[in-house]
N, C-alpha and C. Protein backbone atom coordinates (compact mmCIF):
# COMPACT_ATOMS: atom_id res chain seq x y z
N MET A 1 -12.72 30.61 -36.98
CA MET A 1 -13.12 29.29 -36.56
C MET A 1 -14.59 29.10 -36.92
N ASP A 2 -14.92 28.01 -37.53
CA ASP A 2 -16.32 27.79 -37.89
C ASP A 2 -17.05 27.11 -36.75
N SER A 3 -18.34 27.00 -36.90
CA SER A 3 -19.17 26.49 -35.82
C SER A 3 -18.92 25.01 -35.53
N SER A 4 -18.53 24.21 -36.53
CA SER A 4 -18.27 22.79 -36.29
C SER A 4 -17.02 22.60 -35.45
N ASN A 5 -15.99 23.40 -35.70
CA ASN A 5 -14.77 23.31 -34.87
C ASN A 5 -15.05 23.78 -33.45
N GLN A 6 -15.86 24.82 -33.31
CA GLN A 6 -16.22 25.31 -31.99
C GLN A 6 -16.98 24.24 -31.22
N LEU A 7 -17.88 23.55 -31.89
CA LEU A 7 -18.66 22.49 -31.25
C LEU A 7 -17.74 21.35 -30.81
N SER A 8 -16.80 20.95 -31.65
CA SER A 8 -15.89 19.86 -31.29
C SER A 8 -14.98 20.28 -30.14
N ASP A 9 -14.54 21.54 -30.10
CA ASP A 9 -13.73 22.03 -28.99
C ASP A 9 -14.53 22.01 -27.69
N ASP A 10 -15.80 22.38 -27.75
CA ASP A 10 -16.66 22.35 -26.57
C ASP A 10 -16.84 20.93 -26.07
N LEU A 11 -17.01 19.98 -27.00
CA LEU A 11 -17.15 18.58 -26.59
C LEU A 11 -15.87 18.06 -25.96
N LYS A 12 -14.74 18.46 -26.51
CA LYS A 12 -13.47 18.04 -25.93
C LYS A 12 -13.33 18.58 -24.52
N ASN A 13 -13.70 19.83 -24.32
CA ASN A 13 -13.63 20.41 -22.98
C ASN A 13 -14.59 19.71 -22.03
N ASP A 14 -15.77 19.39 -22.50
CA ASP A 14 -16.73 18.65 -21.67
C ASP A 14 -16.21 17.26 -21.35
N ASP A 15 -15.59 16.61 -22.34
CA ASP A 15 -15.02 15.29 -22.11
C ASP A 15 -13.91 15.35 -21.06
N LYS A 16 -13.08 16.38 -21.16
CA LYS A 16 -12.00 16.53 -20.18
C LYS A 16 -12.57 16.74 -18.79
N ALA A 17 -13.58 17.57 -18.67
CA ALA A 17 -14.20 17.83 -17.38
C ALA A 17 -14.85 16.56 -16.83
N PHE A 18 -15.49 15.81 -17.71
CA PHE A 18 -16.12 14.56 -17.30
C PHE A 18 -15.08 13.56 -16.82
N LEU A 19 -14.00 13.43 -17.58
CA LEU A 19 -12.93 12.51 -17.18
C LEU A 19 -12.25 12.95 -15.89
N ASP A 20 -12.05 14.25 -15.73
CA ASP A 20 -11.49 14.76 -14.48
C ASP A 20 -12.39 14.44 -13.30
N ALA A 21 -13.69 14.56 -13.49
CA ALA A 21 -14.64 14.26 -12.42
C ALA A 21 -14.59 12.78 -12.06
N ILE A 22 -14.53 11.92 -13.08
CA ILE A 22 -14.45 10.47 -12.83
C ILE A 22 -13.14 10.14 -12.11
N ASN A 23 -12.05 10.73 -12.57
CA ASN A 23 -10.76 10.49 -11.91
C ASN A 23 -10.78 10.92 -10.46
N MET A 24 -11.41 12.04 -10.17
CA MET A 24 -11.50 12.52 -8.79
C MET A 24 -12.33 11.57 -7.93
N ILE A 25 -13.42 11.07 -8.48
CA ILE A 25 -14.25 10.11 -7.74
C ILE A 25 -13.46 8.84 -7.45
N ILE A 26 -12.77 8.33 -8.44
CA ILE A 26 -11.97 7.11 -8.25
C ILE A 26 -10.87 7.36 -7.21
N TYR A 27 -10.21 8.52 -7.31
CA TYR A 27 -9.16 8.86 -6.35
C TYR A 27 -9.72 8.89 -4.93
N ARG A 28 -10.86 9.54 -4.76
CA ARG A 28 -11.44 9.65 -3.41
C ARG A 28 -11.85 8.29 -2.86
N ILE A 29 -12.40 7.44 -3.71
CA ILE A 29 -12.79 6.10 -3.26
C ILE A 29 -11.56 5.30 -2.84
N LEU A 30 -10.54 5.32 -3.69
CA LEU A 30 -9.31 4.58 -3.36
C LEU A 30 -8.64 5.15 -2.12
N HIS A 31 -8.59 6.47 -2.02
CA HIS A 31 -7.98 7.11 -0.85
C HIS A 31 -8.73 6.73 0.42
N PHE A 32 -10.05 6.68 0.36
CA PHE A 32 -10.85 6.30 1.52
C PHE A 32 -10.52 4.88 1.96
N PHE A 33 -10.48 3.93 1.02
CA PHE A 33 -10.21 2.54 1.39
C PHE A 33 -8.78 2.33 1.86
N VAL A 34 -7.84 3.04 1.26
CA VAL A 34 -6.45 2.92 1.71
C VAL A 34 -6.31 3.49 3.11
N SER A 35 -6.90 4.66 3.36
CA SER A 35 -6.80 5.24 4.69
C SER A 35 -7.55 4.39 5.72
N LEU A 36 -8.65 3.80 5.31
CA LEU A 36 -9.39 2.91 6.21
C LEU A 36 -8.54 1.69 6.55
N HIS A 37 -7.86 1.12 5.55
CA HIS A 37 -6.98 -0.02 5.78
C HIS A 37 -5.84 0.36 6.71
N CYS A 38 -5.25 1.55 6.50
CA CYS A 38 -4.14 2.00 7.35
C CYS A 38 -4.61 2.21 8.79
N LYS A 39 -5.80 2.76 8.95
CA LYS A 39 -6.32 2.98 10.30
C LYS A 39 -6.55 1.64 11.00
N ALA A 40 -7.10 0.68 10.28
CA ALA A 40 -7.33 -0.64 10.88
C ALA A 40 -6.00 -1.30 11.24
N GLU A 41 -5.02 -1.15 10.37
CA GLU A 41 -3.70 -1.73 10.64
C GLU A 41 -3.05 -1.05 11.85
N ALA A 42 -3.19 0.25 11.95
CA ALA A 42 -2.63 0.99 13.09
C ALA A 42 -3.32 0.59 14.38
N MET A 43 -4.63 0.39 14.34
CA MET A 43 -5.35 -0.03 15.54
C MET A 43 -4.93 -1.43 15.97
N ASP A 44 -4.75 -2.33 15.01
CA ASP A 44 -4.29 -3.67 15.34
C ASP A 44 -2.90 -3.62 15.98
N ASP A 45 -2.02 -2.80 15.41
CA ASP A 45 -0.68 -2.66 15.95
C ASP A 45 -0.72 -2.12 17.38
N TYR A 46 -1.52 -1.09 17.60
CA TYR A 46 -1.63 -0.49 18.93
C TYR A 46 -2.18 -1.49 19.95
N ASN A 47 -3.22 -2.22 19.57
CA ASN A 47 -3.87 -3.13 20.51
C ASN A 47 -3.07 -4.38 20.79
N ASN A 48 -2.12 -4.72 19.93
CA ASN A 48 -1.31 -5.93 20.13
C ASN A 48 0.10 -5.64 20.63
N ARG A 49 0.45 -4.37 20.77
CA ARG A 49 1.79 -3.99 21.20
C ARG A 49 1.82 -3.84 22.72
N PRO A 50 2.86 -4.37 23.37
CA PRO A 50 2.96 -4.19 24.82
C PRO A 50 3.13 -2.72 25.20
N HIS A 51 2.48 -2.33 26.29
CA HIS A 51 2.54 -0.94 26.77
C HIS A 51 3.14 -0.94 28.16
N ASP A 52 4.05 0.01 28.40
CA ASP A 52 4.68 0.12 29.71
C ASP A 52 3.65 0.42 30.80
N VAL A 53 2.68 1.24 30.48
CA VAL A 53 1.65 1.61 31.46
C VAL A 53 0.85 0.38 31.91
N LEU A 54 0.75 -0.59 31.02
CA LEU A 54 0.02 -1.82 31.34
C LEU A 54 0.96 -2.93 31.80
N SER A 55 2.12 -2.54 32.31
CA SER A 55 3.14 -3.48 32.81
C SER A 55 3.54 -4.49 31.75
N GLY A 56 3.72 -4.01 30.55
CA GLY A 56 4.20 -4.87 29.47
C GLY A 56 3.15 -5.69 28.76
N LEU A 57 1.90 -5.53 29.15
CA LEU A 57 0.83 -6.26 28.48
C LEU A 57 0.25 -5.39 27.36
N SER A 58 -0.35 -6.06 26.40
CA SER A 58 -1.04 -5.31 25.35
C SER A 58 -2.46 -5.00 25.82
N PRO A 59 -3.11 -4.00 25.22
CA PRO A 59 -4.49 -3.71 25.60
C PRO A 59 -5.42 -4.91 25.42
N LEU A 60 -5.19 -5.72 24.40
CA LEU A 60 -6.04 -6.91 24.22
C LEU A 60 -5.84 -7.93 25.33
N GLU A 61 -4.60 -8.07 25.80
CA GLU A 61 -4.36 -9.00 26.91
C GLU A 61 -5.07 -8.53 28.17
N VAL A 62 -5.03 -7.23 28.43
CA VAL A 62 -5.72 -6.69 29.60
C VAL A 62 -7.22 -6.86 29.44
N LEU A 63 -7.72 -6.59 28.24
CA LEU A 63 -9.15 -6.74 27.97
C LEU A 63 -9.60 -8.18 28.19
N ASN A 64 -8.74 -9.13 27.84
CA ASN A 64 -9.09 -10.54 28.01
C ASN A 64 -8.85 -11.06 29.42
N GLY A 65 -8.42 -10.19 30.34
CA GLY A 65 -8.34 -10.57 31.74
C GLY A 65 -6.99 -11.05 32.22
N LYS A 66 -5.94 -10.89 31.45
CA LYS A 66 -4.62 -11.32 31.90
C LYS A 66 -4.16 -10.40 33.03
N ILE A 67 -3.59 -10.98 34.07
CA ILE A 67 -3.16 -10.23 35.25
C ILE A 67 -1.76 -9.67 35.01
N MET A 68 -1.58 -8.41 35.41
CA MET A 68 -0.28 -7.75 35.27
C MET A 68 0.65 -8.21 36.39
N ASP A 69 1.88 -8.57 36.01
CA ASP A 69 2.89 -8.99 36.99
C ASP A 69 4.08 -8.05 36.86
N LYS A 70 4.17 -7.06 37.75
CA LYS A 70 5.22 -6.05 37.65
C LYS A 70 6.61 -6.63 37.89
N ASN A 71 6.74 -7.65 38.73
CA ASN A 71 8.05 -8.26 38.98
C ASN A 71 8.56 -8.96 37.73
N SER A 72 7.67 -9.64 37.05
CA SER A 72 8.04 -10.32 35.81
C SER A 72 8.43 -9.32 34.74
N LEU A 73 7.71 -8.21 34.66
CA LEU A 73 8.03 -7.17 33.68
C LEU A 73 9.43 -6.61 33.94
N HIS A 74 9.75 -6.35 35.20
CA HIS A 74 11.05 -5.78 35.53
C HIS A 74 12.18 -6.73 35.12
N SER A 75 12.02 -8.00 35.41
CA SER A 75 13.07 -8.97 35.03
C SER A 75 13.17 -9.10 33.50
N LYS A 76 12.04 -9.05 32.79
CA LYS A 76 12.08 -9.10 31.32
C LYS A 76 12.77 -7.88 30.75
N MET A 77 12.54 -6.71 31.36
CA MET A 77 13.17 -5.48 30.87
C MET A 77 14.68 -5.52 31.09
N LEU A 78 15.10 -6.03 32.24
CA LEU A 78 16.54 -6.15 32.49
C LEU A 78 17.19 -7.13 31.52
N LEU A 79 16.53 -8.24 31.24
CA LEU A 79 17.04 -9.22 30.29
C LEU A 79 17.12 -8.63 28.89
N ALA A 80 16.09 -7.89 28.49
CA ALA A 80 16.08 -7.27 27.17
C ALA A 80 17.19 -6.22 27.05
N LYS A 81 17.43 -5.48 28.12
CA LYS A 81 18.51 -4.49 28.12
C LYS A 81 19.86 -5.16 27.94
N ALA A 82 20.07 -6.25 28.67
CA ALA A 82 21.34 -6.98 28.55
C ALA A 82 21.53 -7.53 27.14
N GLU A 83 20.45 -8.03 26.53
CA GLU A 83 20.52 -8.56 25.16
C GLU A 83 20.84 -7.45 24.16
N ARG A 84 20.24 -6.28 24.34
CA ARG A 84 20.52 -5.15 23.43
C ARG A 84 21.98 -4.72 23.52
N ILE A 85 22.50 -4.63 24.76
CA ILE A 85 23.89 -4.24 24.95
C ILE A 85 24.82 -5.27 24.31
N LYS A 86 24.50 -6.55 24.49
CA LYS A 86 25.30 -7.63 23.89
C LYS A 86 25.31 -7.52 22.36
N GLU A 87 24.14 -7.28 21.75
CA GLU A 87 24.05 -7.14 20.30
C GLU A 87 24.79 -5.89 19.81
N ASN A 88 24.68 -4.80 20.56
CA ASN A 88 25.37 -3.57 20.18
C ASN A 88 26.88 -3.74 20.21
N ARG A 89 27.38 -4.49 21.16
CA ARG A 89 28.82 -4.73 21.24
C ARG A 89 29.31 -5.59 20.08
N LYS A 90 28.47 -6.50 19.60
CA LYS A 90 28.83 -7.34 18.46
C LYS A 90 28.97 -6.50 17.18
N ALA A 91 28.14 -5.48 17.04
CA ALA A 91 28.12 -4.69 15.81
C ALA A 91 29.44 -3.99 15.58
N GLY A 92 30.04 -3.43 16.60
CA GLY A 92 31.33 -2.78 16.49
C GLY A 92 31.38 -1.64 15.48
N CYS A 93 30.29 -0.95 15.32
CA CYS A 93 30.25 0.13 14.33
C CYS A 93 30.72 1.45 14.92
N CYS A 94 30.88 1.51 16.21
CA CYS A 94 31.25 2.77 16.86
C CYS A 94 32.64 2.64 17.49
N SER A 95 33.28 3.77 17.70
CA SER A 95 34.62 3.75 18.30
C SER A 95 34.56 3.55 19.80
N TYR A 96 33.40 3.72 20.39
CA TYR A 96 33.30 3.57 21.84
C TYR A 96 32.50 2.29 22.16
N SER A 97 32.61 1.85 23.37
CA SER A 97 31.94 0.64 23.82
C SER A 97 30.74 1.01 24.67
N PHE A 98 29.73 0.17 24.62
CA PHE A 98 28.54 0.41 25.43
C PHE A 98 28.72 -0.16 26.81
């Protein structure tokens, strides 16, 4: 191998290393923003979802001063249970009845 081929091989290796470094930087930046977006989305979901511990209110509702009504929660839960059973019976995918 002559010196000109050796030089071009070295440049190719340097180019590959440089491109790999750029790709890694781009990957890390994109991964950071995607994970940041997912974390924000998860926090929004958590803060807007009703929690049993908060008597069916979301954390944002409690933060904004909404009063918990345990009697109302109980009646809503019973109604939701009845609706789920009604929908499950309509499906008829199982050999047994709910």
